[in-house]
Protein backbone atom coordinates (compact mmCIF):
# COMPACT_ATOMS: atom_id res chain seq x y z
CA MET A 1 20.50 7.96 37.85
CA LYS A 2 21.39 4.25 38.11
CA LYS A 3 17.70 3.40 37.86
CA LEU A 4 17.48 5.50 34.71
CA PHE A 5 20.40 3.72 33.04
CA SER A 6 18.98 0.34 34.04
CA PHE A 7 15.62 1.31 32.57
CA ILE A 8 17.23 2.34 29.27
CA LEU A 9 19.36 -0.85 29.15
CA ILE A 10 16.33 -3.08 29.67
CA SER A 11 14.44 -1.13 27.01
CA LEU A 12 17.22 -1.62 24.47
CA LEU A 13 17.34 -5.33 25.18
CA VAL A 14 13.60 -5.62 24.72
CA SER A 15 13.87 -3.69 21.46
CA GLY A 16 15.32 -6.82 19.88
CA CYS A 17 11.85 -8.41 19.89
CA LEU A 18 11.16 -7.96 16.19
CA VAL A 19 7.62 -8.80 15.08
CA GLY A 20 6.24 -9.19 11.57
CA PRO A 21 7.19 -11.44 8.62
CA LYS A 22 10.62 -11.77 7.06
CA TYR A 23 10.81 -11.37 3.30
CA SER A 24 11.37 -14.40 1.09
CA ARG A 25 11.31 -14.26 -2.70
CA PRO A 26 8.37 -16.08 -4.33
CA VAL A 27 9.51 -19.19 -6.18
CA VAL A 28 8.98 -18.88 -9.92
CA GLY A 29 11.34 -21.42 -11.45
CA PRO A 30 12.99 -20.31 -14.71
CA PRO A 31 13.03 -22.73 -17.67
CA ALA A 32 16.20 -24.72 -18.20
CA VAL A 33 16.58 -23.35 -21.73
CA TYR A 34 14.75 -20.99 -24.05
CA LEU A 35 12.61 -22.86 -26.56
CA ASN A 36 14.00 -20.94 -29.51
CA ASP A 37 17.62 -20.88 -28.45
CA SER A 38 20.40 -23.05 -27.08
CA ILE A 39 22.14 -22.39 -23.79
CA LYS A 40 24.97 -19.85 -24.06
CA THR A 41 27.02 -18.53 -21.19
CA ASP A 42 27.40 -15.11 -22.83
CA SER A 43 24.62 -12.61 -23.47
CA ILE A 44 23.96 -9.78 -25.88
CA THR A 45 23.32 -7.60 -22.84
CA ASN A 46 27.04 -7.71 -22.10
CA LEU A 47 27.33 -5.32 -25.06
CA LYS A 48 26.43 -1.66 -24.75
CA TRP A 49 23.98 -0.17 -27.22
CA TRP A 50 26.78 1.64 -29.09
CA GLU A 51 28.46 -1.73 -29.63
CA VAL A 52 25.29 -3.40 -30.88
CA TYR A 53 24.10 -0.55 -33.13
CA GLN A 54 27.17 0.94 -34.80
CA ASP A 55 25.26 3.78 -36.48
CA THR A 56 26.75 7.01 -35.11
CA VAL A 57 23.57 8.98 -35.84
CA LEU A 58 21.48 6.48 -33.88
CA GLN A 59 23.99 6.67 -31.04
CA GLY A 60 23.65 10.46 -30.97
CA LEU A 61 19.86 10.24 -30.87
CA ILE A 62 20.04 7.84 -27.93
CA ARG A 63 22.41 10.14 -26.05
CA THR A 64 20.12 13.10 -26.63
CA THR A 65 17.14 11.11 -25.37
CA LEU A 66 18.94 10.05 -22.19
CA ALA A 67 19.84 13.69 -21.53
CA GLN A 68 16.58 15.43 -22.41
CA ASN A 69 13.64 13.02 -22.27
CA LYS A 70 11.02 14.33 -19.87
CA ASP A 71 9.83 10.92 -18.67
CA LEU A 72 13.38 9.99 -17.74
CA LEU A 73 13.95 13.31 -15.97
CA THR A 74 10.73 12.67 -14.05
CA ALA A 75 11.97 9.21 -13.07
CA VAL A 76 15.26 10.73 -11.87
CA ALA A 77 13.34 13.24 -9.75
CA ARG A 78 11.34 10.37 -8.24
CA VAL A 79 14.60 8.68 -7.24
CA GLU A 80 15.72 11.88 -5.52
CA GLU A 81 12.37 12.12 -3.73
CA ALA A 82 12.54 8.50 -2.54
CA LYS A 83 16.09 9.02 -1.29
CA ALA A 84 14.94 12.03 0.75
CA VAL A 85 11.96 10.09 2.11
CA TYR A 86 14.29 7.27 3.16
CA GLY A 87 16.50 9.74 5.03
CA PHE A 88 13.42 11.26 6.68
CA THR A 89 12.15 7.83 7.79
CA LYS A 90 15.56 6.65 8.99
CA ALA A 91 15.82 9.68 11.30
CA ASN A 92 12.92 8.33 13.36
CA GLN A 93 15.25 5.68 14.80
CA PHE A 94 17.39 8.27 16.60
CA PRO A 95 16.73 10.66 19.49
CA PHE A 96 15.37 14.09 18.56
CA VAL A 97 17.01 17.08 20.24
CA ASP A 98 15.27 20.46 20.28
CA TYR A 99 15.86 23.68 22.19
CA SER A 100 13.77 26.44 23.71
CA ALA A 101 14.46 29.76 25.39
CA ARG A 102 11.97 31.63 27.53
CA ALA A 103 11.73 35.00 29.25
CA GLY A 104 8.63 36.07 31.19
CA VAL A 105 7.39 38.63 33.67
CA THR A 106 4.54 37.92 36.06
CA LYS A 107 2.54 40.78 37.61
CA VAL A 108 -0.47 40.40 39.93
CA ASN A 109 -2.36 42.99 42.01
CA GLU A 110 -1.34 43.73 45.60
CA ASN A 111 -4.40 42.16 47.27
CA ALA A 112 -3.89 38.93 45.38
CA SER A 113 -0.25 38.91 46.36
CA GLN A 114 -1.05 39.46 50.06
CA SER A 115 -3.59 36.67 50.02
CA GLY A 116 -1.05 34.26 48.55
CA ILE A 117 -2.88 33.84 45.30
CA GLY A 118 -0.01 35.13 43.13
CA PHE A 119 3.39 36.76 43.12
CA ASP A 120 5.45 39.25 41.25
CA GLY A 121 8.52 37.83 39.52
CA ASN A 122 10.58 37.07 36.43
CA LEU A 123 11.53 33.77 34.82
CA PHE A 124 14.35 33.19 32.34
CA SER A 125 15.20 29.73 30.99
CA VAL A 126 17.29 28.05 28.28
CA VAL A 127 16.71 24.29 27.95
CA GLY A 128 17.33 21.45 25.55
CA ASN A 129 14.60 18.89 24.97
CA VAL A 130 15.18 15.24 24.02
CA SER A 131 12.59 12.75 22.78
CA TRP A 132 13.27 9.19 21.68
CA GLU A 133 10.94 6.34 20.79
CA LEU A 134 12.61 3.01 21.51
CA ASP A 135 12.00 0.49 18.74
CA LEU A 136 10.67 -2.27 20.98
CA TRP A 137 8.97 -4.38 18.30
CA GLY A 138 10.86 -3.34 15.18
CA LYS A 139 8.24 -0.88 13.92
CA LEU A 140 10.81 1.77 13.08
CA GLY A 141 13.16 -0.82 11.59
CA HIS A 142 10.42 -2.17 9.35
CA ALA A 143 9.49 1.34 8.24
CA ASN A 144 13.14 2.11 7.50
CA ARG A 145 13.59 -1.03 5.39
CA ALA A 146 10.32 -0.30 3.57
CA ALA A 147 11.54 3.20 2.69
CA TRP A 148 14.85 1.75 1.48
CA ALA A 149 13.00 -0.74 -0.73
CA ASP A 150 10.88 2.11 -2.09
CA PHE A 151 14.07 3.98 -2.94
CA LEU A 152 15.50 0.94 -4.74
CA ALA A 153 12.20 0.49 -6.58
CA THR A 154 12.37 4.04 -7.94
CA GLU A 155 15.94 3.40 -9.05
CA GLU A 156 14.88 0.23 -10.85
CA ASN A 157 12.00 2.15 -12.41
CA ARG A 158 14.50 4.73 -13.67
CA GLN A 159 16.57 1.94 -15.21
CA ALA A 160 13.45 0.43 -16.78
CA VAL A 161 12.61 3.82 -18.30
CA ILE A 162 16.12 3.98 -19.78
CA VAL A 163 15.82 0.51 -21.31
CA SER A 164 12.39 1.35 -22.72
CA LEU A 165 13.51 4.72 -24.11
CA VAL A 166 16.61 3.37 -25.84
CA ALA A 167 14.53 0.59 -27.38
CA GLN A 168 11.86 3.04 -28.55
CA VAL A 169 14.45 5.37 -30.10
CA ALA A 170 16.06 2.48 -31.98
CA GLN A 171 12.68 1.16 -33.15
CA PHE A 172 11.53 4.59 -34.36
CA TYR A 173 14.87 5.13 -36.09
CA PHE A 174 14.69 1.82 -37.95
CA ALA A 175 11.06 2.55 -38.82
CA ILE A 176 12.10 5.93 -40.27
CA ARG A 177 14.86 4.33 -42.34
CA GLY A 178 12.42 1.63 -43.46
CA LEU A 179 9.92 4.27 -44.56
CA ASP A 180 12.75 6.09 -46.35
CA ASP A 181 13.46 2.86 -48.22
CA ARG A 182 9.83 2.33 -49.18
CA ILE A 183 9.43 5.93 -50.30
CA GLU A 184 12.55 5.63 -52.45
CA ILE A 185 11.27 2.33 -53.89
CA SER A 186 7.96 4.01 -54.71
CA LYS A 187 9.65 6.97 -56.35
CA LYS A 188 11.90 4.69 -58.38
CA THR A 189 8.92 2.62 -59.42
CA LEU A 190 6.97 5.77 -60.31
CA ARG A 191 9.81 6.99 -62.55
CA SER A 192 10.01 3.61 -64.23
CA ARG A 193 6.27 3.39 -64.78
CA SER A 194 6.08 6.97 -66.03
CA GLU A 195 8.75 6.26 -68.63
CA TYR A 196 7.01 3.09 -69.68
CA LEU A 197 3.66 4.92 -69.88
CA LYS A 198 5.22 7.39 -72.32
CA ILE A 199 6.28 4.49 -74.53
CA ILE A 200 2.85 2.85 -74.34
CA THR A 201 1.15 6.20 -75.10
CA LEU A 202 3.29 6.73 -78.23
CA ARG A 203 2.57 3.20 -79.40
CA PHE A 204 -1.15 3.73 -78.76
CA GLU A 205 -1.11 6.97 -80.77
CA LYS A 206 0.52 5.05 -83.63
CA GLY A 207 -2.15 2.38 -83.36
CA GLU A 208 0.28 -0.33 -82.32
CA VAL A 209 -1.43 -1.17 -78.97
CA ALA A 210 -4.97 -1.04 -77.64
CA GLU A 211 -6.27 1.73 -75.43
CA LEU A 212 -6.71 -0.83 -72.66
CA ASP A 213 -2.94 -1.23 -72.47
CA LYS A 214 -2.55 2.53 -72.09
CA LEU A 215 -5.19 2.68 -69.33
CA GLN A 216 -3.57 -0.19 -67.47
CA ALA A 217 -0.19 1.55 -67.67
CA GLU A 218 -1.79 4.70 -66.24
CA GLN A 219 -3.20 2.66 -63.33
CA LEU A 220 0.29 1.43 -62.54
CA GLU A 221 1.65 4.99 -62.50
CA TYR A 222 -1.14 6.36 -60.29
CA GLU A 223 -0.81 3.40 -57.91
CA ALA A 224 2.86 4.25 -57.24
CA ALA A 225 2.09 7.99 -57.10
CA ALA A 226 -0.63 7.47 -54.47
CA THR A 227 1.62 5.31 -52.28
CA ILE A 228 4.23 8.06 -51.85
CA PRO A 229 2.10 10.61 -49.92
CA SER A 230 0.69 7.78 -47.81
CA LEU A 231 4.19 6.72 -46.77
CA GLU A 232 5.26 10.35 -46.25
CA ARG A 233 2.29 10.85 -43.91
CA GLU A 234 3.33 7.81 -41.90
CA LEU A 235 6.94 9.04 -41.85
CA SER A 236 5.86 12.41 -40.43
CA GLY A 237 4.04 10.66 -37.59
CA VAL A 238 7.07 8.54 -36.67
CA GLU A 239 9.44 11.53 -36.79
CA THR A 240 7.10 13.49 -34.54
CA ALA A 241 6.97 10.63 -32.04
CA LEU A 242 10.77 10.38 -32.02
CA ASN A 243 11.13 14.13 -31.45
CA VAL A 244 8.90 13.79 -28.38
CA LEU A 245 11.24 11.12 -27.02
CA LEU A 246 14.17 13.41 -27.77
CA GLY A 247 12.53 16.12 -25.66
CA ARG A 248 12.47 18.67 -28.46
CA LEU A 249 10.03 20.38 -30.80
CA PRO A 250 9.07 18.78 -34.15
CA GLY A 251 11.87 18.84 -36.70
CA LYS A 252 13.76 16.75 -39.21
CA ILE A 253 15.48 13.64 -37.90
CA ASN A 254 19.06 13.10 -39.03
CA ARG A 255 19.77 9.95 -41.01
CA GLY A 256 22.69 7.57 -40.76
CA LEU A 257 23.09 4.08 -42.16
CA GLN A 258 20.37 2.49 -44.24
CA ASN A 259 18.66 -0.51 -42.73
CA VAL A 260 20.29 -2.88 -45.21
CA THR A 261 23.75 -1.70 -44.12
CA GLN A 262 23.19 -1.93 -40.36
CA GLN A 263 25.76 -4.21 -38.74
CA LEU A 264 24.38 -6.57 -36.11
CA PRO A 265 25.98 -9.57 -34.41
CA PRO A 266 25.46 -12.62 -36.66
CA ASP A 267 24.86 -14.77 -33.58
CA ILE A 268 22.88 -13.25 -30.72
CA PRO A 269 23.65 -15.00 -27.40
CA THR A 270 20.92 -14.76 -24.80
CA GLY A 271 22.66 -16.09 -21.71
CA LEU A 272 21.14 -18.49 -19.20
CA PRO A 273 17.42 -18.10 -18.40
CA SER A 274 18.23 -17.98 -14.68
CA GLN A 275 20.18 -14.76 -15.26
CA LEU A 276 17.15 -12.94 -16.63
CA LEU A 277 15.67 -12.13 -13.20
CA GLN A 278 18.83 -10.22 -12.26
CA ARG A 279 18.93 -8.31 -15.57
CA ARG A 280 15.34 -7.14 -16.02
CA PRO A 281 14.80 -3.83 -14.16
CA ASP A 282 11.01 -4.26 -14.28
CA VAL A 283 11.33 -7.58 -12.43
CA ARG A 284 13.65 -6.03 -9.85
CA PHE A 285 11.21 -3.11 -9.53
CA ALA A 286 8.34 -5.51 -8.80
CA GLU A 287 10.43 -7.35 -6.20
CA GLN A 288 11.40 -4.16 -4.37
CA ASN A 289 7.73 -3.19 -4.21
CA LEU A 290 7.00 -6.59 -2.68
CA ILE A 291 9.82 -6.17 -0.15
CA SER A 292 8.51 -2.74 0.84
CA GLN A 293 4.98 -4.01 1.39
CA THR A 294 6.25 -7.02 3.37
CA GLU A 295 7.99 -4.58 5.72
CA GLN A 296 4.76 -2.58 5.97
CA VAL A 297 3.10 -5.72 7.32
CA GLY A 298 5.70 -5.68 10.10
CA VAL A 299 4.84 -2.04 10.85
CA ALA A 300 1.15 -2.91 11.06
CA VAL A 301 1.85 -5.82 13.41
CA ALA A 302 4.09 -3.68 15.63
CA LEU A 303 1.33 -1.09 16.00
CA ARG A 304 -0.68 -3.69 17.95
CA PHE A 305 1.93 -3.63 20.74
CA PRO A 306 2.78 -0.88 23.23
CA SER A 307 5.34 1.78 22.38
CA LEU A 308 7.98 3.09 24.76
CA SER A 309 9.26 6.65 24.53
CA LEU A 310 11.69 8.70 26.59
CA THR A 311 11.38 12.46 26.97
CA GLY A 312 13.52 14.82 28.95
CA PHE A 313 14.99 18.24 29.22
CA ALA A 314 18.05 19.86 30.72
CA GLY A 315 19.03 23.50 30.95
CA LEU A 316 19.18 26.62 33.05
CA ALA A 317 16.37 28.57 34.69
CA SER A 318 16.44 31.60 36.99
CA SER A 319 14.27 34.51 38.07
CA ASP A 320 17.25 36.80 37.56
CA LEU A 321 18.88 36.99 34.15
CA SER A 322 22.28 37.79 35.71
CA ASN A 323 22.17 34.50 37.67
CA LEU A 324 21.09 32.34 34.68
CA ILE A 325 24.51 30.76 34.22
CA ASP A 326 24.94 30.15 37.93
CA GLY A 327 25.53 26.54 38.92
CA ASN A 328 22.39 26.56 41.03
CA SER A 329 20.27 27.37 37.97
CA PHE A 330 20.46 23.89 36.47
CA VAL A 331 17.15 22.12 35.89
CA GLY A 332 16.47 18.75 34.32
CA SER A 333 14.02 15.95 34.01
CA ILE A 334 13.58 12.62 32.20
CA THR A 335 10.39 10.62 31.79
CA GLY A 336 9.63 7.23 30.33
CA GLN A 337 6.18 6.56 28.89
CA LEU A 338 4.64 3.26 27.88
CA ALA A 339 1.49 3.51 25.75
CA GLY A 340 -0.45 0.89 23.87
CA PRO A 341 -3.87 0.04 22.49
CA VAL A 342 -6.47 -1.75 24.63
CA PHE A 343 -9.67 -1.90 22.66
CA ARG A 344 -10.01 -0.45 19.15
CA PHE A 345 -12.93 -2.47 17.75
CA ASN A 346 -10.50 -4.65 15.74
CA GLN A 347 -9.00 -1.61 13.99
CA ASN A 348 -5.43 -2.79 14.50
CA LYS A 349 -6.28 -6.33 13.44
CA ARG A 350 -7.89 -5.07 10.24
CA ARG A 351 -4.84 -2.91 9.56
CA VAL A 352 -2.65 -6.02 9.62
CA GLU A 353 -5.07 -7.92 7.38
CA ALA A 354 -5.12 -5.06 4.88
CA ALA A 355 -1.30 -4.90 4.82
CA LYS A 356 -1.06 -8.67 4.26
CA ALA A 357 -3.62 -8.48 1.42
CA ARG A 358 -1.58 -5.74 -0.27
CA ALA A 359 1.55 -7.88 0.12
CA LYS A 360 -0.25 -10.73 -1.66
CA GLN A 361 -1.10 -8.38 -4.50
CA PHE A 362 2.53 -7.35 -4.90
CA ALA A 363 3.60 -10.99 -4.77
CA PHE A 364 1.27 -11.84 -7.63
CA GLN A 365 2.52 -8.80 -9.54
CA TYR A 366 6.10 -9.98 -9.08
CA GLU A 367 5.24 -13.46 -10.33
CA GLN A 368 3.41 -11.93 -13.29
CA SER A 369 6.45 -9.80 -14.15
CA VAL A 370 8.66 -12.90 -14.13
CA LEU A 371 6.31 -14.81 -16.41
CA GLN A 372 6.06 -11.79 -18.70
CA ALA A 373 9.86 -11.51 -18.84
CA PHE A 374 10.33 -15.09 -20.01
CA GLY A 375 7.44 -14.70 -22.44
CA ASP A 376 9.01 -11.57 -23.92
CA VAL A 377 12.33 -13.34 -24.48
CA GLU A 378 10.73 -16.36 -26.12
CA PHE A 379 8.62 -14.23 -28.46
CA SER A 380 11.57 -11.98 -29.33
CA LEU A 381 13.78 -14.99 -30.09
CA ALA A 382 11.09 -16.35 -32.39
CA GLN A 383 10.81 -12.98 -34.15
CA VAL A 384 14.57 -12.65 -34.67
CA SER A 385 14.79 -16.17 -36.10
CA THR A 386 11.73 -15.99 -38.34
CA TYR A 387 12.39 -12.48 -39.68
CA LYS A 388 15.93 -13.52 -40.60
CA ARG A 389 14.61 -16.45 -42.64
CA GLU A 390 11.79 -14.34 -44.07
CA TYR A 391 14.14 -11.60 -45.22
CA SER A 392 16.31 -14.15 -47.00
CA ALA A 393 13.26 -15.51 -48.82
CA ARG A 394 11.97 -11.99 -49.65
CA SER A 395 15.33 -11.13 -51.20
CA MET A 396 15.15 -14.15 -53.46
CA GLN A 397 11.56 -13.21 -54.29
CA VAL A 398 12.65 -9.72 -55.43
CA ILE A 399 15.41 -11.18 -57.61
CA ALA A 400 12.92 -13.51 -59.28
CA ALA A 401 10.33 -10.72 -59.68
CA THR A 402 12.92 -8.45 -61.31
CA LYS A 403 13.82 -11.10 -63.88
CA SER A 404 10.14 -11.86 -64.45
CA LEU A 405 9.39 -8.20 -65.23
CA GLU A 406 12.31 -7.96 -67.64
CA LEU A 407 11.12 -11.04 -69.52
CA SER A 408 7.48 -9.91 -69.49
CA LYS A 409 8.39 -6.54 -71.01
CA ALA A 410 10.55 -8.21 -73.66
CA LEU A 411 7.73 -10.57 -74.60
CA TYR A 412 5.18 -7.75 -74.71
CA ASP A 413 7.43 -5.46 -76.74
CA ASN A 414 7.82 -8.25 -79.29
CA GLY A 415 4.11 -9.04 -79.33
CA TYR A 416 4.27 -12.45 -77.69
CA THR A 417 2.07 -11.68 -74.66
CA SER A 418 -0.55 -9.21 -73.43
CA PHE A 419 0.08 -6.19 -71.25
CA LEU A 420 -1.74 -7.99 -68.44
CA GLN A 421 1.36 -10.11 -67.88
CA VAL A 422 3.50 -6.98 -67.64
CA LEU A 423 0.96 -5.51 -65.23
CA ASP A 424 1.19 -8.54 -62.94
CA ALA A 425 4.97 -8.60 -63.09
CA GLU A 426 5.15 -4.88 -62.27
CA ARG A 427 2.92 -5.24 -59.25
CA ASN A 428 4.70 -8.37 -58.03
CA LEU A 429 8.06 -6.60 -58.15
CA TYR A 430 6.77 -3.44 -56.48
CA ASP A 431 5.00 -5.34 -53.72
CA GLY A 432 8.01 -7.60 -53.26
CA GLU A 433 10.41 -4.67 -52.85
CA LEU A 434 8.10 -2.94 -50.35
CA VAL A 435 7.69 -6.10 -48.29
CA GLN A 436 11.42 -6.76 -48.43
CA ALA A 437 12.16 -3.30 -47.00
CA LEU A 438 9.49 -3.76 -44.33
CA THR A 439 10.88 -7.18 -43.41
CA LYS A 440 14.39 -5.77 -42.96
CA GLN A 441 12.90 -3.04 -40.75
CA ASN A 442 11.04 -5.63 -38.68
CA GLN A 443 14.17 -7.78 -38.44
CA LEU A 444 16.12 -4.90 -36.92
CA ILE A 445 13.24 -3.99 -34.59
CA ALA A 446 13.02 -7.64 -33.48
CA THR A 447 16.67 -7.44 -32.43
CA VAL A 448 15.87 -4.30 -30.44
CA GLN A 449 12.96 -6.05 -28.75
CA LEU A 450 15.16 -9.02 -27.87
CA TYR A 451 17.77 -6.70 -26.41
CA LYS A 452 15.03 -5.02 -24.36
CA ALA A 453 13.49 -8.36 -23.30
CA LEU A 454 16.86 -9.51 -21.98
CA GLY A 455 17.18 -6.41 -19.82
CA GLY A 456 19.31 -4.26 -22.10
CA GLY A 457 23.00 -3.60 -21.61
CA TRP A 458 22.59 0.17 -21.65
């Protein structure tokens, strides 16, 4: 027994010989500042989505999505699967204990028994079996850490799905409200042009204006009339897409605030660039994948070395069931086995090379995700800044176009200009109002994209 304990002690000491690489994060230095922003210690991601977007209808749509979206539910199920796999892998580090019970009767013919070939008898046994692979080279430890990294990766993927879904819901919602605005502008313009066409038609019938003026007025009316079904078709597509995100059948989407009345922070702090790597779930997902594959390299290296396992059993065995629990019925055994590869035609070496090559791939993917993250932030900052200035200019354009149309109609009604000037003024105002509504929509969506690029404070 002392030899057995000494053998186990030596084995445990040897098990500290960990082989394989240790993980170190690839160096991808963040910029000191964002090009389109100044350094701020705070960040918009410190706000939750219900604090950034104070539209209660939008908040309700986001809550519904987080509860019912099928992609998110799938991601949650993947997290549960990875957690179970981690528990399954971790169990390999501990001894396995099984049991078995046996009852048998042996019967041979009399001649065979007399010649010593066989015997008549019974055998009853109840034993427990133990098997344990000692982690000499860290193979089991590497596999356990790889499974844990896989679990964390699925959790980061779930978080990335949440960020993406919330952003998509907000973008679709602002697109719907923007289309509502453009449809209402078109309907208002159609009513105005229809009324003006009636006036032009009466004046034509009285011989006060040429038929060309009447035809041009009709073109203006039909132009606005044709735009409405086009926008309604686009609106139907966006509502359908949002219903899919909501995890429900096609239906009408509730409306809340108009885009022009949405309240957003006047100053959007982005935080320090160095904080981005800790906030972006897609970057953390890529790093956990890299960690997992790095640990798999350790598993591959450990497979080139011998493995040590202990097996044993202990229990009771007797030819008479009534004597099974007798003290003399005890049986037991323990065996240590050392097994390792000798010559495999470089199979084990190639396994290590393949694992290292996969680790390189994940390292490049991690670096790419970091570069993409900083690129997303820079582009989103530029969009927020430029759309803000553009919307201000578009608003002034609409004011000027409105005054221009009023003056053009007054001049035409008094015979000082042709209807062509009214036609141009009408189209300039209509186009200006449509672009203004679209710019406000894009401005809000740019804020959503910035929030997403910074990792989202969902």
